[in-house]
């Protein structure tokens, strides 16, 4: 039982990171109907931005407060990652918005390769590590042979995810930007005729998705303490899987899917073979989509006639 509760905590932590990345996928797909396959590498870029910012703040500027340094790193990562995503949308996606459906997909894959290779060349192919941060733990239960612990970094990840999901849900449901996003999701042409700036709305959506990916990237760096130029692929695919599992287009579904993927991975690794944890996650996805093609919280497509 102690192992179960420990893996539950670990799964919720990992799933929170997946959920933050998955929101970016579901937002872009919901508005322009395109899977932004470069989003995983945008997340990877954010981890390196956070790494560089942390090194500058702690080594060069001598900031000793961990919480202050992490707060500043989070702001820097969100700003620069949002700028990267805004540039990608303007250069690689907007000119192809009216083209055939495969063109934006090919462009997204191309941008993914560009970002990955750029980081590999500029930062090198080796792992980049930082000193451990927030390693102190709270012992929830000590059974003698095995102790259930909750680290401060896990608390930070879960709390930040919950707060950001609440804030963003409020933005989508109660603000003018949210109304514009929902209007573009339903019918971009009609939204434009009614005065909605579609290009601006889509750009802001990319920026918000990148900002959330930057939060995930910073938390990923804090949690694992090491990053690599190839870290965008696997978390990106897992986050996309989470978005589809929860119901792509649904913000709560994206986070729910991320939590489920994280829990499946951790429990499978604990009780079965760790080599097949990815197979287990994708198998659950396939089973769910057989019976619920729209995902857990997704809405069925209604054809307009």
Protein backbone atom coordinates (compact mmCIF):
# COMPACT_ATOMS: atom_id res chain seq x y z
CA UNK A 1 0.00 0.00 0.00
CA UNK A 2 2.89 2.38 0.70
CA UNK A 3 4.20 1.83 -2.82
CA UNK A 4 0.74 2.57 -4.23
CA UNK A 5 0.45 5.93 -2.51
CA UNK A 6 4.01 6.90 -3.41
CA UNK A 7 3.41 6.11 -7.07
CA UNK A 8 0.12 8.01 -6.91
CA UNK A 9 2.03 11.12 -5.84
CA UNK A 10 4.69 10.56 -8.49
CA UNK A 11 2.05 10.01 -11.18
CA UNK A 12 0.16 13.18 -10.32
CA UNK A 13 3.40 15.14 -10.47
CA UNK A 14 4.42 13.78 -13.86
CA UNK A 15 0.86 14.08 -15.15
CA UNK A 16 0.72 17.75 -14.16
CA UNK A 17 3.69 18.48 -16.43
CA UNK A 18 2.07 16.55 -19.29
CA UNK A 19 -1.17 18.42 -18.71
CA UNK A 20 0.45 21.85 -18.99
CA UNK A 21 2.02 20.88 -22.31
CA UNK A 22 -1.22 19.28 -23.52
CA UNK A 23 -3.14 22.53 -23.07
CA UNK A 24 -1.04 24.08 -25.85
CA UNK A 25 -1.96 21.26 -28.23
CA UNK A 26 -5.65 21.40 -27.45
CA UNK A 27 -5.86 25.20 -27.72
CA UNK A 28 -4.26 25.40 -31.16
CA UNK A 29 -6.22 22.44 -32.50
CA UNK A 30 -9.47 23.81 -31.14
CA UNK A 31 -9.09 27.13 -32.95
CA UNK A 32 -7.36 26.36 -36.24
CA UNK A 33 -7.78 22.58 -36.42
CA UNK A 34 -4.04 21.94 -36.72
CA UNK A 35 -1.85 19.71 -34.60
CA UNK A 36 1.15 21.84 -33.67
CA UNK A 37 3.81 19.15 -33.71
CA UNK A 38 6.52 21.69 -32.90
CA UNK A 39 4.94 22.35 -29.48
CA UNK A 40 7.01 19.60 -27.85
CA UNK A 41 10.21 21.25 -29.03
CA UNK A 42 8.93 24.64 -27.88
CA UNK A 43 8.68 22.99 -24.46
CA UNK A 44 12.26 21.72 -24.86
CA UNK A 45 13.50 25.20 -25.78
CA UNK A 46 11.83 26.56 -22.65
CA UNK A 47 13.81 24.12 -20.48
CA UNK A 48 17.07 25.48 -21.88
CA UNK A 49 15.88 29.07 -21.48
CA UNK A 50 15.07 28.28 -17.85
CA UNK A 51 18.46 26.59 -17.41
CA UNK A 52 20.38 29.57 -18.80
CA UNK A 53 18.30 32.05 -16.78
CA UNK A 54 18.84 30.06 -13.59
CA UNK A 55 22.60 29.93 -14.15
CA UNK A 56 22.76 33.68 -14.78
CA UNK A 57 20.66 34.56 -11.73
CA UNK A 58 22.41 32.25 -9.27
CA UNK A 59 26.00 32.27 -10.58
CA UNK A 60 26.50 35.70 -12.13
CA UNK A 61 24.01 37.84 -10.18
CA UNK A 62 24.42 35.90 -6.95
CA UNK A 63 20.74 35.51 -6.03
CA UNK A 64 20.68 33.11 -3.08
CA UNK A 65 16.92 32.86 -2.53
CA UNK A 66 15.68 29.74 -4.33
CA UNK A 67 12.06 30.88 -4.52
CA UNK A 68 13.00 34.32 -5.87
CA UNK A 69 15.31 32.76 -8.45
CA UNK A 70 12.65 30.29 -9.57
CA UNK A 71 10.05 33.05 -9.84
CA UNK A 72 12.35 35.16 -12.02
CA UNK A 73 13.31 32.11 -14.09
CA UNK A 74 9.63 31.36 -14.64
CA UNK A 75 8.94 34.89 -15.87
CA UNK A 76 11.98 34.91 -18.19
CA UNK A 77 11.12 31.47 -19.60
CA UNK A 78 7.49 32.46 -20.26
CA UNK A 79 8.47 35.69 -22.03
CA UNK A 80 11.15 34.25 -24.30
CA UNK A 81 9.28 31.02 -25.06
CA UNK A 82 6.18 33.03 -25.95
CA UNK A 83 8.31 35.14 -28.30
CA UNK A 84 9.61 31.96 -29.97
CA UNK A 85 6.10 30.59 -30.43
CA UNK A 86 4.79 33.93 -31.72
CA UNK A 87 7.58 33.99 -34.31
CA UNK A 88 6.83 30.42 -35.36
CA UNK A 89 3.15 31.24 -35.85
CA UNK A 90 3.91 34.34 -37.93
CA UNK A 91 6.61 32.72 -40.08
CA UNK A 92 5.66 29.07 -40.44
CA UNK A 93 1.92 28.78 -39.88
CA UNK A 94 0.06 31.97 -40.80
CA UNK A 95 1.17 32.04 -44.48
CA UNK A 96 -0.11 28.45 -44.85
CA UNK A 97 -3.42 28.88 -43.04
CA UNK A 98 -5.45 28.91 -46.23
CA UNK A 99 -3.46 26.18 -47.94
CA UNK A 100 -4.27 22.47 -48.12
CA UNK A 101 -4.40 20.70 -44.75
CA UNK A 102 -1.07 18.88 -45.03
CA UNK A 103 0.95 22.06 -45.58
CA UNK A 104 0.73 23.35 -41.96
CA UNK A 105 1.43 19.84 -40.69
CA UNK A 106 4.60 19.57 -42.76
CA UNK A 107 5.60 23.07 -41.67
CA UNK A 108 5.07 22.11 -38.00
CA UNK A 109 7.27 19.04 -38.36
CA UNK A 110 9.89 21.18 -40.09
CA UNK A 111 9.86 23.72 -37.26
CA UNK A 112 10.25 20.86 -34.77
CA UNK A 113 13.39 19.71 -36.56
CA UNK A 114 14.72 23.27 -36.77
CA UNK A 115 14.26 23.90 -33.05
CA UNK A 116 15.79 20.56 -32.07
CA UNK A 117 18.83 20.98 -34.31
CA UNK A 118 19.32 24.61 -33.29
CA UNK A 119 19.48 23.67 -29.59
CA UNK A 120 21.73 20.70 -30.38
CA UNK A 121 24.18 22.94 -32.23
CA UNK A 122 24.07 25.88 -29.82
CA UNK A 123 24.02 23.95 -26.53
CA UNK A 124 25.66 20.68 -27.51
CA UNK A 125 24.33 17.12 -27.56
CA UNK A 126 25.21 16.26 -23.96
CA UNK A 127 22.90 16.46 -20.95
CA UNK A 128 22.89 19.74 -19.05
CA UNK A 129 22.42 19.43 -15.31
CA UNK A 130 21.78 21.80 -12.42
CA UNK A 131 22.33 21.46 -8.70
CA UNK A 132 19.40 19.84 -6.88
CA UNK A 133 16.61 22.27 -5.96
CA UNK A 134 13.91 21.85 -3.28
CA UNK A 135 15.01 18.34 -2.39
CA UNK A 136 13.54 18.41 1.11
CA UNK A 137 10.68 15.98 1.64
CA UNK A 138 7.71 15.59 3.95
CA UNK A 139 7.28 12.07 5.31
CA UNK A 140 3.57 11.31 5.03
CA UNK A 141 3.78 7.77 6.33
CA UNK A 142 6.62 5.58 7.53
CA UNK A 143 5.82 1.89 7.49
CA UNK A 144 9.27 0.85 8.61
CA UNK A 145 10.51 -0.72 5.40
CA UNK A 146 9.10 1.96 3.08
CA UNK A 147 8.26 5.62 3.67
CA UNK A 148 5.73 7.60 1.65
CA UNK A 149 7.21 11.03 0.98
CA UNK A 150 6.09 14.23 -0.70
CA UNK A 151 8.85 16.57 -1.83
CA UNK A 152 8.55 20.33 -1.97
CA UNK A 153 9.16 20.27 -5.71
CA UNK A 154 6.20 17.92 -6.16
CA UNK A 155 4.00 20.26 -4.14
CA UNK A 156 5.20 23.15 -6.29
CA UNK A 157 4.38 21.32 -9.54
CA UNK A 158 0.89 20.20 -8.50
CA UNK A 159 -0.08 23.56 -6.97
CA UNK A 160 1.20 25.60 -9.94
CA UNK A 161 -0.69 23.35 -12.38
CA UNK A 162 -3.92 23.69 -10.43
CA UNK A 163 -3.60 27.48 -10.18
CA UNK A 164 -2.78 27.95 -13.87
CA UNK A 165 -5.63 25.70 -15.00
CA UNK A 166 -8.07 27.67 -12.84
CA UNK A 167 -6.82 31.02 -14.13
CA UNK A 168 -6.85 29.98 -17.75
CA UNK A 169 -10.29 28.37 -17.48
CA UNK A 170 -11.56 31.69 -16.10
CA UNK A 171 -9.91 33.59 -18.96
CA UNK A 172 -11.53 31.36 -21.59
CA UNK A 173 -15.00 31.46 -20.03
CA UNK A 174 -15.25 35.02 -18.65
CA UNK A 175 -13.14 37.39 -20.74
CA UNK A 176 -13.34 39.00 -24.17
CA UNK A 177 -10.28 37.04 -25.29
CA UNK A 178 -11.99 33.79 -24.29
CA UNK A 179 -15.13 34.75 -26.22
CA UNK A 180 -13.00 35.54 -29.26
CA UNK A 181 -11.22 32.18 -28.97
CA UNK A 182 -14.51 30.31 -28.69
CA UNK A 183 -15.92 32.24 -31.64
CA UNK A 184 -12.89 31.38 -33.78
CA UNK A 185 -13.21 27.76 -32.71
CA UNK A 186 -16.80 27.59 -33.93
CA UNK A 187 -16.45 29.55 -37.19
CA UNK A 188 -13.43 31.71 -38.01
CA UNK A 189 -15.02 33.35 -41.05
CA UNK A 190 -18.17 34.36 -39.19
CA UNK A 191 -16.10 35.56 -36.24
CA UNK A 192 -14.13 37.80 -38.60
CA UNK A 193 -17.35 39.18 -40.08
CA UNK A 194 -18.54 40.03 -36.57
CA UNK A 195 -15.40 42.04 -35.83
CA UNK A 196 -13.14 39.50 -34.15
CA UNK A 197 -9.48 39.95 -35.06
CA UNK A 198 -8.83 36.31 -35.99
CA UNK A 199 -5.09 36.71 -36.65
CA UNK A 200 -4.55 38.43 -33.31
CA UNK A 201 -6.63 35.83 -31.47
CA UNK A 202 -4.67 32.95 -33.00
CA UNK A 203 -1.34 34.63 -32.22
CA UNK A 204 -2.35 35.18 -28.59
CA UNK A 205 -3.43 31.53 -28.40
CA UNK A 206 0.02 30.42 -29.54
CA UNK A 207 1.61 32.78 -27.01
CA UNK A 208 -0.51 31.47 -24.12
CA UNK A 209 0.17 27.86 -25.08
CA UNK A 210 3.90 28.57 -25.20
CA UNK A 211 3.78 30.34 -21.82
CA UNK A 212 2.17 27.27 -20.26
CA UNK A 213 4.79 25.08 -21.96
CA UNK A 214 7.46 27.33 -20.43
CA UNK A 215 5.97 26.76 -17.00
CA UNK A 216 6.05 23.02 -17.69
CA UNK A 217 9.65 23.32 -18.92
CA UNK A 218 10.76 25.15 -15.79
CA UNK A 219 9.03 22.62 -13.54
CA UNK A 220 10.54 19.79 -15.60
CA UNK A 221 14.02 21.25 -15.03
CA UNK A 222 13.39 21.61 -11.29
CA UNK A 223 11.95 18.08 -11.00
CA UNK A 224 14.53 16.13 -12.99
CA UNK A 225 17.52 18.49 -12.77
CA UNK A 226 18.79 17.59 -16.25
CA UNK A 227 17.77 18.53 -19.79
CA UNK A 228 18.74 17.45 -23.28
CA UNK A 229 18.04 18.72 -26.79
CA UNK A 230 16.01 15.54 -27.47
CA UNK A 231 13.68 16.11 -24.51
CA UNK A 232 11.02 17.68 -26.70
CA UNK A 233 9.99 14.54 -28.57
CA UNK A 234 8.85 12.12 -25.87
CA UNK A 235 7.09 14.61 -23.56
CA UNK A 236 5.57 16.22 -26.65
CA UNK A 237 4.13 12.94 -27.89
CA UNK A 238 2.93 12.07 -24.39
CA UNK A 239 1.26 15.47 -24.04
CA UNK A 240 -0.41 15.12 -27.44
CA UNK A 241 -1.60 11.68 -26.37
CA UNK A 242 -2.96 13.23 -23.18
CA UNK A 243 -4.82 15.88 -25.18
CA UNK A 244 -6.42 13.24 -27.39
CA UNK A 245 -7.21 10.98 -24.44
CA UNK A 246 -8.90 13.76 -22.47
CA UNK A 247 -10.68 15.10 -25.54
CA UNK A 248 -8.75 17.45 -27.78
CA UNK A 249 -10.32 20.88 -27.63
CA UNK A 250 -11.21 20.53 -23.93
CA UNK A 251 -8.96 22.30 -21.42
CA UNK A 252 -10.01 20.18 -18.41
CA UNK A 253 -9.72 17.15 -20.68
CA UNK A 254 -6.10 18.03 -21.51
CA UNK A 255 -5.15 18.15 -17.84
CA UNK A 256 -7.18 15.03 -17.06
CA UNK A 257 -5.49 13.20 -19.91
CA UNK A 258 -2.08 14.34 -18.68
CA UNK A 259 -2.81 13.07 -15.18
CA UNK A 260 -4.01 9.73 -16.54
CA UNK A 261 -0.92 9.28 -18.72
CA UNK A 262 1.34 10.15 -15.77
CA UNK A 263 -0.48 7.71 -13.48
CA UNK A 264 -0.41 4.92 -16.06
CA UNK A 265 3.34 5.35 -16.58
CA UNK A 266 4.25 5.42 -12.91
CA UNK A 267 2.01 2.54 -11.83
CA UNK A 268 3.11 0.39 -14.76
CA UNK A 269 6.75 1.11 -13.98
CA UNK A 270 6.22 0.19 -10.32
CA UNK A 271 4.24 -3.01 -10.73
CA UNK A 272 5.27 -4.27 -14.16
CA UNK A 273 8.16 -3.66 -16.58
CA UNK A 274 9.44 -0.11 -16.92
CA UNK A 275 10.48 -0.82 -20.52
CA UNK A 276 6.84 -1.14 -21.55
CA UNK A 277 5.37 1.87 -19.77
CA UNK A 278 4.97 3.76 -23.06
CA UNK A 279 3.25 0.77 -24.63
CA UNK A 280 0.81 0.70 -21.73
CA UNK A 281 -0.02 4.42 -22.08
CA UNK A 282 -0.66 4.20 -25.82
CA UNK A 283 -2.65 0.97 -25.40
CA UNK A 284 -4.99 2.67 -22.93
CA UNK A 285 -5.37 5.52 -25.41
CA UNK A 286 -6.33 3.11 -28.18
CA UNK A 287 -8.86 1.34 -25.96
CA UNK A 288 -10.50 4.59 -24.86
CA UNK A 289 -10.74 5.91 -28.43
CA UNK A 290 -12.39 2.70 -29.61
CA UNK A 291 -15.31 3.27 -27.25
CA UNK A 292 -15.10 7.09 -26.96
CA UNK A 293 -13.68 8.50 -30.23
CA UNK A 294 -14.03 12.07 -28.98
CA UNK A 295 -12.01 11.35 -25.84
CA UNK A 296 -13.11 11.39 -22.21
CA UNK A 297 -14.32 15.00 -22.02
CA UNK A 298 -14.40 15.83 -25.73
CA UNK A 299 -17.54 16.82 -27.55
CA UNK A 300 -18.70 14.77 -30.55
CA UNK A 301 -18.34 16.54 -33.89
CA UNK A 302 -21.61 17.74 -35.32
CA UNK A 303 -21.65 18.17 -39.08
CA UNK A 304 -23.17 21.46 -40.20
CA UNK A 305 -25.62 21.22 -43.09
